[in-house]
Amino acid sequence: MRTLWKGAITFGLVYIPVKLYAATEHKDLKFHYLHEPCKTPIQYRKFCPTCQREVDREEIVWGYEYAKSQYVVLREEDFHRIPVPTTKVVDILDFVDLVEIDPVYFDKTYFLEPAEGGLKAYALLRRTMEETGRIAIAKVAIRTKESLAAIRVYHDRVLAMNTMFWPDEIRDWADLEGLQPAEAPVVENEMKMAKTLVDTLAGHFDPGKYTDQYRRALLETIHAKIEGREVFVAAEPEAAKVMDLMEALRASVRLAEEQRAGGPPQPGGPH
């Protein structure tokens, strides 16, 4: 894996040199835009309309528009000179329980690897968090942005760091008009049946049982086109009749019980 950042975790007066790696990757299928008549890929050029020419990456700088068409220019070295301590350190501020953090705050996940001289202190921090059941809340600046971050033990061996959104970056759910003015009334029998359905579907999280069915079907379509085979369009499902809520809940419980008993998986369910 390619190192994205080098610095250190500061833990009180303890200094732990680390390297940062991306922990996740998107497996989206990549498509190119083509000009349909000739099937030529469309070009996306870095073009300066004033100089009337394409520009190299070395000629490009960051510009912050502080007024209409007025920019202040920043270069790579300007970001390195920013006078905050988090440009080269993951500064731990607090230790908290993970359940206190709503998932809406989490952004990207990274792996933290101990760098030269940091193995013992890294192991100390990891084991301390394991035995206390706490995670660390820190601040870190990566590239052009300072973020909150949550550091936790991942798979009993490595420290993972999730960058987090700042509180003012979380949108206010109260702006959702569909939730106004008051919550819809729920009948007690409906609540009991809904809880039965939840209990029937309850289990432990096993990421291995979930698959990206859309990506797999899309790949099959692509390979069929490569091989010159006809691509068949699945029949549209018949419009489901409108059920009342209790009827839908009862049917859902029966279906969940059948699947748990080893019945055939239903369309749209986990495979």
Protein backbone atom coordinates (compact mmCIF):
# COMPACT_ATOMS: atom_id res chain seq x y z
CA MET A 1 0.00 0.00 0.00
CA ARG A 2 1.10 3.56 -0.70
CA THR A 3 1.91 5.78 2.27
CA LEU A 4 -0.36 8.84 2.31
CA TRP A 5 1.12 10.69 5.29
CA LYS A 6 3.97 10.39 7.77
CA GLY A 7 3.91 11.86 11.24
CA ALA A 8 3.26 10.79 14.81
CA ILE A 9 0.56 10.10 17.37
CA THR A 10 0.99 12.21 20.50
CA PHE A 11 -0.37 10.52 23.60
CA GLY A 12 0.30 12.82 26.56
CA LEU A 13 4.10 13.18 26.36
CA VAL A 14 4.40 9.91 24.43
CA TYR A 15 5.43 10.31 20.78
CA ILE A 16 4.60 7.45 18.40
CA PRO A 17 5.95 7.79 14.83
CA VAL A 18 3.44 6.37 12.35
CA LYS A 19 2.62 6.04 8.66
CA LEU A 20 -0.89 6.49 7.29
CA TYR A 21 -2.54 4.27 4.67
CA ALA A 22 -6.01 4.29 3.11
CA ALA A 23 -7.99 1.42 4.64
CA THR A 24 -10.76 1.27 2.03
CA GLU A 25 -11.17 1.43 -1.72
CA HIS A 26 -14.14 1.95 -4.00
CA LYS A 27 -14.79 -0.91 -6.43
CA ASP A 28 -17.03 1.06 -8.73
CA LEU A 29 -16.82 0.07 -12.38
CA LYS A 30 -15.02 2.78 -14.34
CA PHE A 31 -16.68 4.09 -17.48
CA HIS A 32 -15.38 6.50 -20.14
CA TYR A 33 -17.50 9.00 -21.98
CA LEU A 34 -17.34 8.33 -25.74
CA HIS A 35 -18.34 10.41 -28.72
CA GLU A 36 -21.11 8.13 -30.01
CA PRO A 37 -20.59 8.52 -33.81
CA CYS A 38 -16.88 7.55 -33.72
CA LYS A 39 -16.56 5.94 -30.25
CA THR A 40 -13.59 8.18 -29.40
CA PRO A 41 -13.00 8.86 -25.67
CA ILE A 42 -13.87 12.43 -24.73
CA GLN A 43 -10.85 14.39 -23.47
CA TYR A 44 -10.81 16.44 -20.29
CA ARG A 45 -8.05 19.00 -20.69
CA LYS A 46 -6.48 21.44 -18.24
CA PHE A 47 -6.83 24.44 -20.50
CA CYS A 48 -6.19 28.11 -19.77
CA PRO A 49 -8.58 30.28 -21.82
CA THR A 50 -6.40 33.38 -21.31
CA CYS A 51 -3.16 31.82 -22.55
CA GLN A 52 -5.04 29.67 -25.06
CA ARG A 53 -3.05 26.52 -24.26
CA GLU A 54 -3.06 23.41 -22.13
CA VAL A 55 -1.12 23.69 -18.88
CA ASP A 56 1.10 21.22 -17.04
CA ARG A 57 0.41 20.12 -13.48
CA GLU A 58 3.49 22.04 -12.30
CA GLU A 59 1.87 25.30 -13.42
CA ILE A 60 -1.30 24.79 -11.36
CA VAL A 61 -1.75 26.34 -7.91
CA TRP A 62 -4.68 26.53 -5.47
CA GLY A 63 -6.79 29.67 -5.59
CA TYR A 64 -9.27 30.74 -2.93
CA GLU A 65 -11.96 33.06 -4.30
CA TYR A 66 -12.43 35.66 -1.52
CA ALA A 67 -14.49 37.99 -3.76
CA LYS A 68 -16.03 37.69 -7.22
CA SER A 69 -13.14 36.74 -9.59
CA GLN A 70 -10.60 37.75 -6.91
CA TYR A 71 -8.25 34.98 -5.78
CA VAL A 72 -5.50 34.55 -3.23
CA VAL A 73 -2.94 31.96 -4.39
CA LEU A 74 -1.69 29.09 -2.24
CA ARG A 75 1.10 26.68 -3.15
CA GLU A 76 2.07 23.31 -1.67
CA GLU A 77 4.63 24.89 0.66
CA ASP A 78 1.96 27.24 2.10
CA PHE A 79 0.02 24.27 3.48
CA HIS A 80 3.16 22.93 5.17
CA ARG A 81 3.78 26.30 6.87
CA ILE A 82 0.34 26.53 8.49
CA PRO A 83 1.05 27.21 12.20
CA VAL A 84 -1.01 24.41 13.77
CA PRO A 85 0.54 21.39 15.52
CA THR A 86 -1.67 18.85 13.72
CA THR A 87 0.14 19.14 10.38
CA LYS A 88 2.55 16.39 11.40
CA VAL A 89 0.90 14.79 14.43
CA VAL A 90 -2.29 12.99 15.38
CA ASP A 91 -2.96 14.87 18.61
CA ILE A 92 -5.04 12.75 21.01
CA LEU A 93 -7.41 14.93 23.05
CA ASP A 94 -9.77 12.52 24.83
CA PHE A 95 -10.65 8.87 25.35
CA VAL A 96 -14.35 7.99 24.99
CA ASP A 97 -16.70 5.06 24.47
CA LEU A 98 -17.32 4.28 20.81
CA VAL A 99 -21.09 3.96 21.39
CA GLU A 100 -21.19 7.67 22.26
CA ILE A 101 -20.37 8.65 18.66
CA ASP A 102 -23.16 8.69 16.09
CA PRO A 103 -21.97 7.09 12.78
CA VAL A 104 -23.00 10.26 10.89
CA TYR A 105 -19.72 11.79 12.11
CA PHE A 106 -17.46 9.21 10.43
CA ASP A 107 -15.88 10.03 7.07
CA LYS A 108 -12.83 8.08 5.79
CA THR A 109 -10.92 5.21 7.37
CA TYR A 110 -7.13 4.84 7.46
CA PHE A 111 -4.67 2.33 8.90
CA LEU A 112 -1.91 3.62 11.17
CA GLU A 113 1.35 1.67 10.99
CA PRO A 114 4.19 2.16 13.48
CA ALA A 115 7.22 3.78 11.87
CA GLU A 116 10.82 3.22 12.91
CA GLY A 117 11.22 3.50 16.68
CA GLY A 118 7.49 3.51 17.36
CA LEU A 119 6.61 -0.17 17.74
CA LYS A 120 6.67 -0.37 21.56
CA ALA A 121 4.70 2.84 22.17
CA TYR A 122 2.26 1.84 19.42
CA ALA A 123 1.67 -1.53 21.14
CA LEU A 124 1.22 0.24 24.50
CA LEU A 125 -1.49 2.54 23.12
CA ARG A 126 -3.23 -0.32 21.31
CA ARG A 127 -3.31 -2.59 24.37
CA THR A 128 -4.38 0.25 26.65
CA MET A 129 -7.39 1.01 24.45
CA GLU A 130 -8.23 -2.69 24.24
CA GLU A 131 -8.18 -3.19 28.01
CA THR A 132 -10.03 0.01 28.87
CA GLY A 133 -12.60 -0.41 26.08
CA ARG A 134 -12.05 3.19 24.98
CA ILE A 135 -11.22 4.85 21.68
CA ALA A 136 -9.17 8.01 21.21
CA ILE A 137 -10.50 11.31 19.86
CA ALA A 138 -7.81 13.33 18.12
CA LYS A 139 -7.17 16.18 15.71
CA VAL A 140 -5.11 15.74 12.54
CA ALA A 141 -4.41 17.77 9.40
CA ILE A 142 -4.17 15.77 6.18
CA ARG A 143 -3.35 17.71 3.03
CA THR A 144 -5.62 20.79 2.99
CA LYS A 145 -7.95 20.03 5.90
CA GLU A 146 -7.82 19.58 9.65
CA SER A 147 -10.24 16.96 10.94
CA LEU A 148 -11.46 15.39 14.09
CA ALA A 149 -10.47 11.73 14.18
CA ALA A 150 -11.36 8.58 16.09
CA ILE A 151 -8.57 6.07 16.68
CA ARG A 152 -9.58 2.53 17.57
CA VAL A 153 -8.20 -1.00 17.62
CA TYR A 154 -9.04 -2.93 14.47
CA HIS A 155 -8.86 -6.74 14.34
CA ASP A 156 -6.89 -6.84 17.61
CA ARG A 157 -3.64 -5.80 15.92
CA VAL A 158 -3.71 -2.51 14.05
CA LEU A 159 -4.83 1.00 14.93
CA ALA A 160 -7.45 2.37 12.53
CA MET A 161 -8.22 6.07 12.28
CA ASN A 162 -11.54 7.45 11.08
CA THR A 163 -11.55 11.09 10.10
CA MET A 164 -14.73 12.78 11.30
CA PHE A 165 -16.93 15.65 10.27
CA TRP A 166 -16.97 18.73 12.47
CA PRO A 167 -20.32 19.40 14.20
CA ASP A 168 -21.07 22.36 11.91
CA GLU A 169 -20.64 20.07 8.87
CA ILE A 170 -23.57 17.87 9.91
CA ARG A 171 -26.79 19.07 8.32
CA ASP A 172 -29.80 19.79 10.53
CA TRP A 173 -32.43 17.05 10.19
CA ALA A 174 -35.06 19.53 11.37
CA ASP A 175 -34.99 20.98 7.84
CA LEU A 176 -36.70 17.81 6.53
CA GLU A 177 -40.23 18.90 5.72
CA GLY A 178 -41.66 15.36 5.68
CA LEU A 179 -41.17 15.03 9.44
CA GLN A 180 -43.29 18.08 10.22
CA PRO A 181 -45.32 18.95 12.15
CA ALA A 182 -45.58 15.87 14.40
CA GLU A 183 -44.84 12.15 14.43
CA ALA A 184 -47.55 9.87 13.00
CA PRO A 185 -49.48 7.82 15.57
CA VAL A 186 -48.52 4.12 15.91
CA VAL A 187 -50.96 1.45 17.05
CA GLU A 188 -49.74 -0.81 19.89
CA ASN A 189 -50.42 -4.02 17.93
CA GLU A 190 -48.36 -2.68 15.03
CA MET A 191 -45.51 -1.91 17.42
CA LYS A 192 -45.61 -5.46 18.87
CA MET A 193 -45.59 -7.03 15.41
CA ALA A 194 -42.74 -4.75 14.28
CA LYS A 195 -40.69 -5.82 17.33
CA THR A 196 -41.40 -9.48 16.48
CA LEU A 197 -40.05 -8.86 12.97
CA VAL A 198 -36.92 -7.18 14.37
CA ASP A 199 -36.33 -10.10 16.76
CA THR A 200 -36.78 -12.59 13.92
CA LEU A 201 -34.18 -10.79 11.79
CA ALA A 202 -31.80 -10.11 14.68
CA GLY A 203 -28.29 -11.54 14.53
CA HIS A 204 -24.60 -10.68 14.53
CA PHE A 205 -23.05 -8.51 11.85
CA ASP A 206 -21.27 -10.71 9.30
CA PRO A 207 -20.02 -8.55 6.41
CA GLY A 208 -19.15 -11.65 4.37
CA LYS A 209 -22.79 -12.47 3.72
CA TYR A 210 -23.53 -9.19 1.93
CA THR A 211 -22.66 -8.86 -1.75
CA ASP A 212 -22.86 -6.12 -4.36
CA GLN A 213 -25.49 -7.70 -6.62
CA TYR A 214 -25.76 -4.67 -8.88
CA ARG A 215 -22.02 -4.64 -9.65
CA ARG A 216 -22.05 -8.38 -10.39
CA ALA A 217 -25.04 -8.06 -12.74
CA LEU A 218 -23.45 -5.06 -14.43
CA LEU A 219 -20.24 -7.04 -15.05
CA GLU A 220 -22.29 -9.89 -16.52
CA THR A 221 -23.96 -7.41 -18.88
CA ILE A 222 -20.56 -6.02 -19.94
CA HIS A 223 -19.11 -9.50 -20.60
CA ALA A 224 -22.22 -10.46 -22.59
CA LYS A 225 -21.72 -7.41 -24.80
CA ILE A 226 -18.01 -8.24 -25.25
CA GLU A 227 -18.93 -11.76 -26.37
CA GLY A 228 -21.67 -10.49 -28.65
CA ARG A 229 -24.47 -12.17 -26.71
CA GLU A 230 -27.92 -10.66 -26.38
CA VAL A 231 -28.65 -8.98 -23.09
CA PHE A 232 -32.09 -9.89 -21.79
CA VAL A 233 -34.02 -7.40 -19.77
CA ALA A 234 -35.61 -8.85 -16.65
CA ALA A 235 -39.39 -8.75 -16.60
CA GLU A 236 -40.86 -5.93 -14.60
CA PRO A 237 -42.35 -7.24 -11.35
CA GLU A 238 -46.08 -6.94 -11.07
CA ALA A 239 -47.17 -3.95 -9.06
CA ALA A 240 -47.55 -5.08 -5.48
CA LYS A 241 -51.02 -4.71 -4.09
CA VAL A 242 -51.38 -2.15 -1.36
CA MET A 243 -51.37 -3.92 2.04
CA ASP A 244 -52.36 -2.45 5.33
CA LEU A 245 -49.47 -2.15 7.76
CA MET A 246 -50.40 -5.14 9.95
CA GLU A 247 -50.80 -7.42 6.90
CA ALA A 248 -47.37 -6.35 5.62
CA LEU A 249 -45.79 -6.96 9.04
CA ARG A 250 -47.31 -10.44 9.40
CA ALA A 251 -46.19 -11.42 5.89
CA SER A 252 -42.70 -10.10 6.62
CA VAL A 253 -42.44 -12.15 9.82
CA ARG A 254 -43.53 -15.32 7.98
CA LEU A 255 -40.99 -14.69 5.22
CA ALA A 256 -38.17 -14.03 7.72
CA GLU A 257 -39.01 -17.21 9.64
CA GLU A 258 -38.96 -19.26 6.44
CA GLN A 259 -35.56 -17.86 5.45
CA ARG A 260 -34.13 -18.52 8.93
CA ALA A 261 -35.43 -22.09 8.70
CA GLY A 262 -33.41 -22.64 5.53
CA GLY A 263 -35.94 -21.75 2.89
CA PRO A 264 -34.90 -20.37 -0.49
CA PRO A 265 -33.61 -16.78 -0.48
CA GLN A 266 -36.08 -14.27 -1.77
CA PRO A 267 -35.33 -11.68 -4.45
CA GLY A 268 -33.66 -8.66 -2.92
CA GLY A 269 -32.64 -10.53 0.23
CA PRO A 270 -29.08 -11.30 1.36
CA HIS A 271 -27.17 -14.02 -0.50
